[in-house]
All heavy atoms as atom14 arrays in JSON, in Angstrom:
{
  "sequence": "RPVPTVTPDAVFAALRAAALTLDGVPACATSVTEGRFIVIAT",
  "atom14_mask": [
    [1, 1, 1, 1, 1, 1, 1, 1, 1, 1, 1, 0, 0, 0],
    [1, 1, 1, 1, 1, 1, 1, 0, 0, 0, 0, 0, 0, 0],
    [1, 1, 1, 1, 1, 1, 1, 0, 0, 0, 0, 0, 0, 0],
    [1, 1, 1, 1, 1, 1, 1, 0, 0, 0, 0, 0, 0, 0],
    [1, 1, 1, 1, 1, 1, 1, 0, 0, 0, 0, 0, 0, 0],
    [1, 1, 1, 1, 1, 1, 1, 0, 0, 0, 0, 0, 0, 0],
    [1, 1, 1, 1, 1, 1, 1, 0, 0, 0, 0, 0, 0, 0],
    [1, 1, 1, 1, 1, 1, 1, 0, 0, 0, 0, 0, 0, 0],
    [1, 1, 1, 1, 1, 1, 1, 1, 0, 0, 0, 0, 0, 0],
    [1, 1, 1, 1, 1, 0, 0, 0, 0, 0, 0, 0, 0, 0],
    [1, 1, 1, 1, 1, 1, 1, 0, 0, 0, 0, 0, 0, 0],
    [1, 1, 1, 1, 1, 1, 1, 1, 1, 1, 1, 0, 0, 0],
    [1, 1, 1, 1, 1, 0, 0, 0, 0, 0, 0, 0, 0, 0],
    [1, 1, 1, 1, 1, 0, 0, 0, 0, 0, 0, 0, 0, 0],
    [1, 1, 1, 1, 1, 1, 1, 1, 0, 0, 0, 0, 0, 0],
    [1, 1, 1, 1, 1, 1, 1, 1, 1, 1, 1, 0, 0, 0],
    [1, 1, 1, 1, 1, 0, 0, 0, 0, 0, 0, 0, 0, 0],
    [1, 1, 1, 1, 1, 0, 0, 0, 0, 0, 0, 0, 0, 0],
    [1, 1, 1, 1, 1, 0, 0, 0, 0, 0, 0, 0, 0, 0],
    [1, 1, 1, 1, 1, 1, 1, 1, 0, 0, 0, 0, 0, 0],
    [1, 1, 1, 1, 1, 1, 1, 0, 0, 0, 0, 0, 0, 0],
    [1, 1, 1, 1, 1, 1, 1, 1, 0, 0, 0, 0, 0, 0],
    [1, 1, 1, 1, 1, 1, 1, 1, 0, 0, 0, 0, 0, 0],
    [1, 1, 1, 1, 0, 0, 0, 0, 0, 0, 0, 0, 0, 0],
    [1, 1, 1, 1, 1, 1, 1, 0, 0, 0, 0, 0, 0, 0],
    [1, 1, 1, 1, 1, 1, 1, 0, 0, 0, 0, 0, 0, 0],
    [1, 1, 1, 1, 1, 0, 0, 0, 0, 0, 0, 0, 0, 0],
    [1, 1, 1, 1, 1, 1, 0, 0, 0, 0, 0, 0, 0, 0],
    [1, 1, 1, 1, 1, 0, 0, 0, 0, 0, 0, 0, 0, 0],
    [1, 1, 1, 1, 1, 1, 1, 0, 0, 0, 0, 0, 0, 0],
    [1, 1, 1, 1, 1, 1, 0, 0, 0, 0, 0, 0, 0, 0],
    [1, 1, 1, 1, 1, 1, 1, 0, 0, 0, 0, 0, 0, 0],
    [1, 1, 1, 1, 1, 1, 1, 0, 0, 0, 0, 0, 0, 0],
    [1, 1, 1, 1, 1, 1, 1, 1, 1, 0, 0, 0, 0, 0],
    [1, 1, 1, 1, 0, 0, 0, 0, 0, 0, 0, 0, 0, 0],
    [1, 1, 1, 1, 1, 1, 1, 1, 1, 1, 1, 0, 0, 0],
    [1, 1, 1, 1, 1, 1, 1, 1, 1, 1, 1, 0, 0, 0],
    [1, 1, 1, 1, 1, 1, 1, 1, 0, 0, 0, 0, 0, 0],
    [1, 1, 1, 1, 1, 1, 1, 0, 0, 0, 0, 0, 0, 0],
    [1, 1, 1, 1, 1, 1, 1, 1, 0, 0, 0, 0, 0, 0],
    [1, 1, 1, 1, 1, 0, 0, 0, 0, 0, 0, 0, 0, 0],
    [1, 1, 1, 1, 1, 1, 1, 0, 0, 0, 0, 0, 0, 0]
  ],
  "atom14_positions": [
    [[47.91, -84.01, 106.22], [48.88, -83.83, 107.33], [48.17, -83.77, 108.64], [47.08, -83.23, 108.78], [49.65, -82.45, 107.16], [50.59, -82.47, 106.02], [51.27, -81.08, 106.01], [52.32, -81.0, 105.14], [53.26, -80.11, 105.08], [53.09, -79.06, 105.83], [54.21, -80.16, 104.23], [0.0, 0.0, 0.0], [0.0, 0.0, 0.0], [0.0, 0.0, 0.0]],
    [[48.83, -84.22, 109.75], [48.2, -84.15, 111.05], [48.13, -82.59, 111.48], [49.05, -81.83, 111.15], [49.16, -84.92, 111.97], [50.44, -85.02, 111.23], [50.09, -84.91, 109.75], [0.0, 0.0, 0.0], [0.0, 0.0, 0.0], [0.0, 0.0, 0.0], [0.0, 0.0, 0.0], [0.0, 0.0, 0.0], [0.0, 0.0, 0.0], [0.0, 0.0, 0.0]],
    [[47.13, -82.26, 112.18], [46.96, -80.85, 112.63], [47.85, -80.67, 113.81], [47.85, -81.46, 114.78], [45.44, -80.58, 113.05], [45.36, -79.22, 113.56], [44.57, -80.85, 111.85], [0.0, 0.0, 0.0], [0.0, 0.0, 0.0], [0.0, 0.0, 0.0], [0.0, 0.0, 0.0], [0.0, 0.0, 0.0], [0.0, 0.0, 0.0], [0.0, 0.0, 0.0]],
    [[48.71, -79.69, 113.78], [49.61, -79.35, 114.91], [48.87, -78.93, 116.14], [47.79, -78.35, 116.03], [50.52, -78.21, 114.43], [50.06, -77.84, 113.07], [48.88, -78.72, 112.68], [0.0, 0.0, 0.0], [0.0, 0.0, 0.0], [0.0, 0.0, 0.0], [0.0, 0.0, 0.0], [0.0, 0.0, 0.0], [0.0, 0.0, 0.0], [0.0, 0.0, 0.0]],
    [[49.38, -79.29, 117.27], [48.69, -78.94, 118.5], [49.33, -77.76, 119.17], [48.96, -77.37, 120.29], [48.75, -80.17, 119.54], [50.11, -80.44, 119.71], [47.96, -81.31, 118.98], [0.0, 0.0, 0.0], [0.0, 0.0, 0.0], [0.0, 0.0, 0.0], [0.0, 0.0, 0.0], [0.0, 0.0, 0.0], [0.0, 0.0, 0.0], [0.0, 0.0, 0.0]],
    [[50.23, -77.11, 118.45], [50.89, -75.87, 119.02], [49.99, -74.7, 118.91], [49.21, -74.6, 117.97], [52.29, -75.74, 118.32], [52.08, -75.32, 116.86], [53.1, -74.67, 119.0], [0.0, 0.0, 0.0], [0.0, 0.0, 0.0], [0.0, 0.0, 0.0], [0.0, 0.0, 0.0], [0.0, 0.0, 0.0], [0.0, 0.0, 0.0], [0.0, 0.0, 0.0]],
    [[50.16, -73.78, 119.81], [49.37, -72.54, 119.78], [50.18, -71.39, 119.41], [51.42, -71.37, 119.56], [48.67, -72.26, 121.16], [49.81, -71.97, 122.13], [47.89, -73.41, 121.69], [0.0, 0.0, 0.0], [0.0, 0.0, 0.0], [0.0, 0.0, 0.0], [0.0, 0.0, 0.0], [0.0, 0.0, 0.0], [0.0, 0.0, 0.0], [0.0, 0.0, 0.0]],
    [[49.58, -70.28, 118.96], [50.39, -69.08, 118.58], [51.12, -68.6, 119.82], [52.3, -68.12, 119.63], [49.32, -68.07, 118.12], [48.21, -68.94, 117.61], [48.21, -70.13, 118.48], [0.0, 0.0, 0.0], [0.0, 0.0, 0.0], [0.0, 0.0, 0.0], [0.0, 0.0, 0.0], [0.0, 0.0, 0.0], [0.0, 0.0, 0.0], [0.0, 0.0, 0.0]],
    [[50.58, -68.61, 120.95], [51.22, -68.11, 122.18], [52.46, -68.98, 122.51], [53.52, -68.44, 122.99], [50.35, -68.09, 123.35], [49.29, -66.97, 123.18], [49.54, -65.95, 122.51], [48.15, -67.13, 123.77], [0.0, 0.0, 0.0], [0.0, 0.0, 0.0], [0.0, 0.0, 0.0], [0.0, 0.0, 0.0], [0.0, 0.0, 0.0], [0.0, 0.0, 0.0]],
    [[52.36, -70.29, 122.29], [53.51, -71.12, 122.56], [54.68, -70.9, 121.61], [55.87, -70.83, 121.96], [53.11, -72.64, 122.47], [0.0, 0.0, 0.0], [0.0, 0.0, 0.0], [0.0, 0.0, 0.0], [0.0, 0.0, 0.0], [0.0, 0.0, 0.0], [0.0, 0.0, 0.0], [0.0, 0.0, 0.0], [0.0, 0.0, 0.0], [0.0, 0.0, 0.0]],
    [[54.33, -70.72, 120.3], [55.36, -70.36, 119.3], [55.93, -69.02, 119.66], [57.17, -68.86, 119.56], [54.78, -70.36, 117.92], [55.77, -69.91, 116.87], [54.21, -71.7, 117.54], [0.0, 0.0, 0.0], [0.0, 0.0, 0.0], [0.0, 0.0, 0.0], [0.0, 0.0, 0.0], [0.0, 0.0, 0.0], [0.0, 0.0, 0.0], [0.0, 0.0, 0.0]],
    [[55.12, -67.99, 119.97], [55.62, -66.69, 120.4], [56.69, -66.79, 121.48], [57.7, -66.26, 121.44], [54.47, -65.78, 120.74], [54.91, -64.4, 121.26], [55.44, -63.49, 120.41], [54.79, -64.03, 122.58], [55.79, -62.23, 120.74], [55.14, -62.81, 123.0], [55.69, -61.84, 122.11], [0.0, 0.0, 0.0], [0.0, 0.0, 0.0], [0.0, 0.0, 0.0]],
    [[56.32, -67.56, 122.54], [57.27, -67.8, 123.71], [58.58, -68.51, 123.25], [59.6, -68.02, 123.72], [56.55, -68.56, 124.77], [0.0, 0.0, 0.0], [0.0, 0.0, 0.0], [0.0, 0.0, 0.0], [0.0, 0.0, 0.0], [0.0, 0.0, 0.0], [0.0, 0.0, 0.0], [0.0, 0.0, 0.0], [0.0, 0.0, 0.0], [0.0, 0.0, 0.0]],
    [[58.44, -69.41, 122.38], [59.67, -70.09, 121.86], [60.49, -69.12, 121.03], [61.74, -69.15, 121.12], [59.27, -71.28, 120.98], [0.0, 0.0, 0.0], [0.0, 0.0, 0.0], [0.0, 0.0, 0.0], [0.0, 0.0, 0.0], [0.0, 0.0, 0.0], [0.0, 0.0, 0.0], [0.0, 0.0, 0.0], [0.0, 0.0, 0.0], [0.0, 0.0, 0.0]],
    [[59.86, -68.32, 120.22], [60.6, -67.35, 119.48], [61.29, -66.27, 120.35], [62.4, -65.81, 120.07], [59.74, -66.66, 118.45], [59.36, -67.51, 117.17], [58.3, -66.7, 116.37], [60.63, -67.76, 116.4], [0.0, 0.0, 0.0], [0.0, 0.0, 0.0], [0.0, 0.0, 0.0], [0.0, 0.0, 0.0], [0.0, 0.0, 0.0], [0.0, 0.0, 0.0]],
    [[60.62, -65.92, 121.47], [61.2, -64.92, 122.32], [62.44, -65.47, 122.96], [63.41, -64.74, 123.27], [60.19, -64.6, 123.4], [58.98, -63.86, 123.0], [59.07, -62.42, 122.79], [59.49, -61.69, 124.02], [59.72, -60.39, 124.04], [59.66, -59.71, 122.97], [60.18, -59.84, 125.14], [0.0, 0.0, 0.0], [0.0, 0.0, 0.0], [0.0, 0.0, 0.0]],
    [[62.5, -66.8, 123.16], [63.64, -67.46, 123.75], [64.8, -67.74, 122.75], [65.92, -67.98, 123.14], [63.25, -68.75, 124.45], [0.0, 0.0, 0.0], [0.0, 0.0, 0.0], [0.0, 0.0, 0.0], [0.0, 0.0, 0.0], [0.0, 0.0, 0.0], [0.0, 0.0, 0.0], [0.0, 0.0, 0.0], [0.0, 0.0, 0.0], [0.0, 0.0, 0.0]],
    [[64.45, -67.76, 121.49], [65.38, -68.1, 120.44], [66.28, -66.93, 120.05], [65.91, -65.75, 120.2], [64.65, -68.57, 119.19], [0.0, 0.0, 0.0], [0.0, 0.0, 0.0], [0.0, 0.0, 0.0], [0.0, 0.0, 0.0], [0.0, 0.0, 0.0], [0.0, 0.0, 0.0], [0.0, 0.0, 0.0], [0.0, 0.0, 0.0], [0.0, 0.0, 0.0]],
    [[67.43, -67.23, 119.55], [68.35, -66.23, 118.99], [67.98, -65.97, 117.57], [68.2, -66.81, 116.73], [69.81, -66.7, 119.12], [0.0, 0.0, 0.0], [0.0, 0.0, 0.0], [0.0, 0.0, 0.0], [0.0, 0.0, 0.0], [0.0, 0.0, 0.0], [0.0, 0.0, 0.0], [0.0, 0.0, 0.0], [0.0, 0.0, 0.0], [0.0, 0.0, 0.0]],
    [[67.37, -64.82, 117.28], [66.88, -64.53, 115.94], [67.68, -63.43, 115.26], [68.21, -62.62, 116.03], [65.41, -64.12, 115.98], [64.41, -65.07, 116.55], [63.07, -64.37, 116.66], [64.34, -66.31, 115.78], [0.0, 0.0, 0.0], [0.0, 0.0, 0.0], [0.0, 0.0, 0.0], [0.0, 0.0, 0.0], [0.0, 0.0, 0.0], [0.0, 0.0, 0.0]],
    [[67.79, -63.52, 113.99], [68.33, -62.37, 113.23], [67.35, -62.01, 112.11], [66.67, -62.96, 111.61], [69.71, -62.61, 112.67], [69.65, -63.68, 111.79], [70.74, -62.82, 113.71], [0.0, 0.0, 0.0], [0.0, 0.0, 0.0], [0.0, 0.0, 0.0], [0.0, 0.0, 0.0], [0.0, 0.0, 0.0], [0.0, 0.0, 0.0], [0.0, 0.0, 0.0]],
    [[67.31, -60.8, 111.7], [66.49, -60.34, 110.57], [67.4, -59.53, 109.65], [67.9, -58.47, 110.14], [65.29, -59.53, 111.07], [64.17, -59.21, 110.12], [63.58, -60.46, 109.48], [63.18, -58.34, 110.82], [0.0, 0.0, 0.0], [0.0, 0.0, 0.0], [0.0, 0.0, 0.0], [0.0, 0.0, 0.0], [0.0, 0.0, 0.0], [0.0, 0.0, 0.0]],
    [[67.67, -60.04, 108.5], [68.63, -59.43, 107.56], [70.01, -59.19, 108.25], [70.7, -58.19, 108.1], [68.11, -58.06, 107.07], [66.89, -58.25, 106.24], [66.77, -59.29, 105.55], [66.08, -57.36, 106.23], [0.0, 0.0, 0.0], [0.0, 0.0, 0.0], [0.0, 0.0, 0.0], [0.0, 0.0, 0.0], [0.0, 0.0, 0.0], [0.0, 0.0, 0.0]],
    [[70.39, -60.21, 109.1], [71.69, -60.16, 109.76], [71.77, -59.31, 110.96], [72.81, -59.18, 111.63], [0.0, 0.0, 0.0], [0.0, 0.0, 0.0], [0.0, 0.0, 0.0], [0.0, 0.0, 0.0], [0.0, 0.0, 0.0], [0.0, 0.0, 0.0], [0.0, 0.0, 0.0], [0.0, 0.0, 0.0], [0.0, 0.0, 0.0], [0.0, 0.0, 0.0]],
    [[70.66, -58.72, 111.4], [70.61, -57.87, 112.64], [69.85, -58.59, 113.73], [68.83, -59.23, 113.42], [69.92, -56.57, 112.32], [69.82, -55.64, 113.53], [70.6, -55.81, 111.17], [0.0, 0.0, 0.0], [0.0, 0.0, 0.0], [0.0, 0.0, 0.0], [0.0, 0.0, 0.0], [0.0, 0.0, 0.0], [0.0, 0.0, 0.0], [0.0, 0.0, 0.0]],
    [[70.42, -58.58, 114.95], [69.69, -59.26, 116.0], [68.26, -58.78, 116.07], [67.94, -57.62, 115.96], [70.52, -58.9, 117.29], [71.89, -58.58, 116.8], [71.64, -57.93, 115.36], [0.0, 0.0, 0.0], [0.0, 0.0, 0.0], [0.0, 0.0, 0.0], [0.0, 0.0, 0.0], [0.0, 0.0, 0.0], [0.0, 0.0, 0.0], [0.0, 0.0, 0.0]],
    [[67.34, -59.76, 116.37], [65.88, -59.48, 116.29], [65.18, -60.25, 117.41], [65.79, -61.16, 118.01], [65.31, -59.79, 114.98], [0.0, 0.0, 0.0], [0.0, 0.0, 0.0], [0.0, 0.0, 0.0], [0.0, 0.0, 0.0], [0.0, 0.0, 0.0], [0.0, 0.0, 0.0], [0.0, 0.0, 0.0], [0.0, 0.0, 0.0], [0.0, 0.0, 0.0]],
    [[63.96, -59.9, 117.69], [63.15, -60.73, 118.64], [61.72, -60.62, 118.25], [61.25, -59.72, 117.51], [63.37, -60.11, 120.04], [62.81, -58.41, 120.29], [0.0, 0.0, 0.0], [0.0, 0.0, 0.0], [0.0, 0.0, 0.0], [0.0, 0.0, 0.0], [0.0, 0.0, 0.0], [0.0, 0.0, 0.0], [0.0, 0.0, 0.0], [0.0, 0.0, 0.0]],
    [[60.95, -61.61, 118.73], [59.5, -61.62, 118.5], [58.86, -60.53, 119.39], [59.26, -60.43, 120.58], [58.93, -63.02, 118.87], [0.0, 0.0, 0.0], [0.0, 0.0, 0.0], [0.0, 0.0, 0.0], [0.0, 0.0, 0.0], [0.0, 0.0, 0.0], [0.0, 0.0, 0.0], [0.0, 0.0, 0.0], [0.0, 0.0, 0.0], [0.0, 0.0, 0.0]],
    [[58.03, -59.72, 118.87], [57.49, -58.58, 119.59], [56.04, -58.7, 119.94], [55.59, -58.18, 120.94], [57.72, -57.28, 118.85], [57.05, -57.36, 117.58], [59.21, -56.97, 118.68], [0.0, 0.0, 0.0], [0.0, 0.0, 0.0], [0.0, 0.0, 0.0], [0.0, 0.0, 0.0], [0.0, 0.0, 0.0], [0.0, 0.0, 0.0], [0.0, 0.0, 0.0]],
    [[55.25, -59.38, 119.07], [53.78, -59.44, 119.36], [53.11, -60.52, 118.53], [53.75, -61.0, 117.55], [53.16, -58.1, 119.13], [53.2, -57.72, 117.79], [0.0, 0.0, 0.0], [0.0, 0.0, 0.0], [0.0, 0.0, 0.0], [0.0, 0.0, 0.0], [0.0, 0.0, 0.0], [0.0, 0.0, 0.0], [0.0, 0.0, 0.0], [0.0, 0.0, 0.0]],
    [[51.94, -60.86, 118.88], [51.09, -61.73, 118.06], [49.93, -60.84, 117.56], [49.27, -60.15, 118.37], [50.48, -62.89, 118.91], [49.57, -63.75, 118.1], [51.6, -63.75, 119.46], [0.0, 0.0, 0.0], [0.0, 0.0, 0.0], [0.0, 0.0, 0.0], [0.0, 0.0, 0.0], [0.0, 0.0, 0.0], [0.0, 0.0, 0.0], [0.0, 0.0, 0.0]],
    [[49.73, -60.83, 116.29], [48.56, -60.05, 115.68], [47.59, -60.98, 115.05], [47.9, -62.06, 114.53], [49.12, -59.04, 114.6], [49.77, -59.85, 113.56], [50.11, -58.11, 115.21], [0.0, 0.0, 0.0], [0.0, 0.0, 0.0], [0.0, 0.0, 0.0], [0.0, 0.0, 0.0], [0.0, 0.0, 0.0], [0.0, 0.0, 0.0], [0.0, 0.0, 0.0]],
    [[46.35, -60.54, 115.1], [45.21, -61.28, 114.56], [45.11, -62.74, 115.1], [44.57, -63.61, 114.5], [45.31, -61.35, 113.05], [45.19, -59.92, 112.36], [45.18, -60.0, 110.84], [44.82, -60.96, 110.29], [45.73, -59.04, 110.27], [0.0, 0.0, 0.0], [0.0, 0.0, 0.0], [0.0, 0.0, 0.0], [0.0, 0.0, 0.0], [0.0, 0.0, 0.0]],
    [[45.79, -63.03, 116.18], [45.74, -64.29, 116.83], [46.52, -65.36, 116.07], [46.47, -66.52, 116.53], [0.0, 0.0, 0.0], [0.0, 0.0, 0.0], [0.0, 0.0, 0.0], [0.0, 0.0, 0.0], [0.0, 0.0, 0.0], [0.0, 0.0, 0.0], [0.0, 0.0, 0.0], [0.0, 0.0, 0.0], [0.0, 0.0, 0.0], [0.0, 0.0, 0.0]],
    [[47.25, -65.04, 115.09], [47.98, -66.06, 114.39], [49.24, -65.64, 113.7], [50.04, -66.4, 113.22], [47.08, -66.74, 113.27], [46.62, -65.75, 112.23], [45.79, -66.42, 111.2], [45.39, -65.49, 110.2], [44.12, -65.17, 109.9], [43.2, -65.74, 110.51], [43.95, -64.23, 108.98], [0.0, 0.0, 0.0], [0.0, 0.0, 0.0], [0.0, 0.0, 0.0]],
    [[49.53, -64.33, 113.62], [50.78, -63.83, 113.05], [51.72, -63.3, 114.09], [51.22, -62.62, 114.96], [50.49, -62.71, 112.03], [49.74, -63.17, 110.8], [48.36, -62.92, 110.71], [50.35, -63.88, 109.83], [47.66, -63.37, 109.58], [49.63, -64.38, 108.72], [48.28, -64.09, 108.62], [0.0, 0.0, 0.0], [0.0, 0.0, 0.0], [0.0, 0.0, 0.0]],
    [[53.0, -63.63, 113.95], [54.0, -63.22, 114.94], [54.88, -62.17, 114.32], [55.36, -62.38, 113.2], [54.8, -64.41, 115.43], [53.91, -65.39, 116.17], [55.96, -63.89, 116.36], [54.52, -66.65, 116.55], [0.0, 0.0, 0.0], [0.0, 0.0, 0.0], [0.0, 0.0, 0.0], [0.0, 0.0, 0.0], [0.0, 0.0, 0.0], [0.0, 0.0, 0.0]],
    [[54.94, -60.98, 114.97], [55.78, -59.86, 114.45], [57.19, -60.04, 114.98], [57.34, -60.22, 116.17], [55.16, -58.57, 114.79], [56.1, -57.4, 114.29], [53.76, -58.41, 114.21], [0.0, 0.0, 0.0], [0.0, 0.0, 0.0], [0.0, 0.0, 0.0], [0.0, 0.0, 0.0], [0.0, 0.0, 0.0], [0.0, 0.0, 0.0], [0.0, 0.0, 0.0]],
    [[58.17, -60.02, 114.1], [59.59, -60.06, 114.49], [60.19, -58.74, 114.08], [60.05, -58.35, 112.9], [60.27, -61.25, 113.83], [59.57, -62.55, 114.31], [61.74, -61.32, 114.16], [59.97, -63.78, 113.52], [0.0, 0.0, 0.0], [0.0, 0.0, 0.0], [0.0, 0.0, 0.0], [0.0, 0.0, 0.0], [0.0, 0.0, 0.0], [0.0, 0.0, 0.0]],
    [[60.93, -58.12, 114.98], [61.53, -56.79, 114.66], [62.93, -56.83, 115.13], [63.35, -57.52, 116.08], [60.78, -55.66, 115.35], [0.0, 0.0, 0.0], [0.0, 0.0, 0.0], [0.0, 0.0, 0.0], [0.0, 0.0, 0.0], [0.0, 0.0, 0.0], [0.0, 0.0, 0.0], [0.0, 0.0, 0.0], [0.0, 0.0, 0.0], [0.0, 0.0, 0.0]],
    [[63.79, -56.0, 114.51], [65.18, -55.95, 114.85], [65.27, -55.24, 116.27], [64.44, -54.38, 116.6], [66.0, -55.07, 113.82], [65.37, -53.81, 113.66], [66.06, -55.83, 112.48], [0.0, 0.0, 0.0], [0.0, 0.0, 0.0], [0.0, 0.0, 0.0], [0.0, 0.0, 0.0], [0.0, 0.0, 0.0], [0.0, 0.0, 0.0], [0.0, 0.0, 0.0]]
  ]
}
């Protein structure tokens, strides 16, 4: 597969702008951990 050129910070920003839910409850991206994991919380 081609290697994506997206960065964790770019995905974090996109998630912050997106309408997210977690188990049916409104949620948002809160942080990037270990430089590659995005935490999403209600």
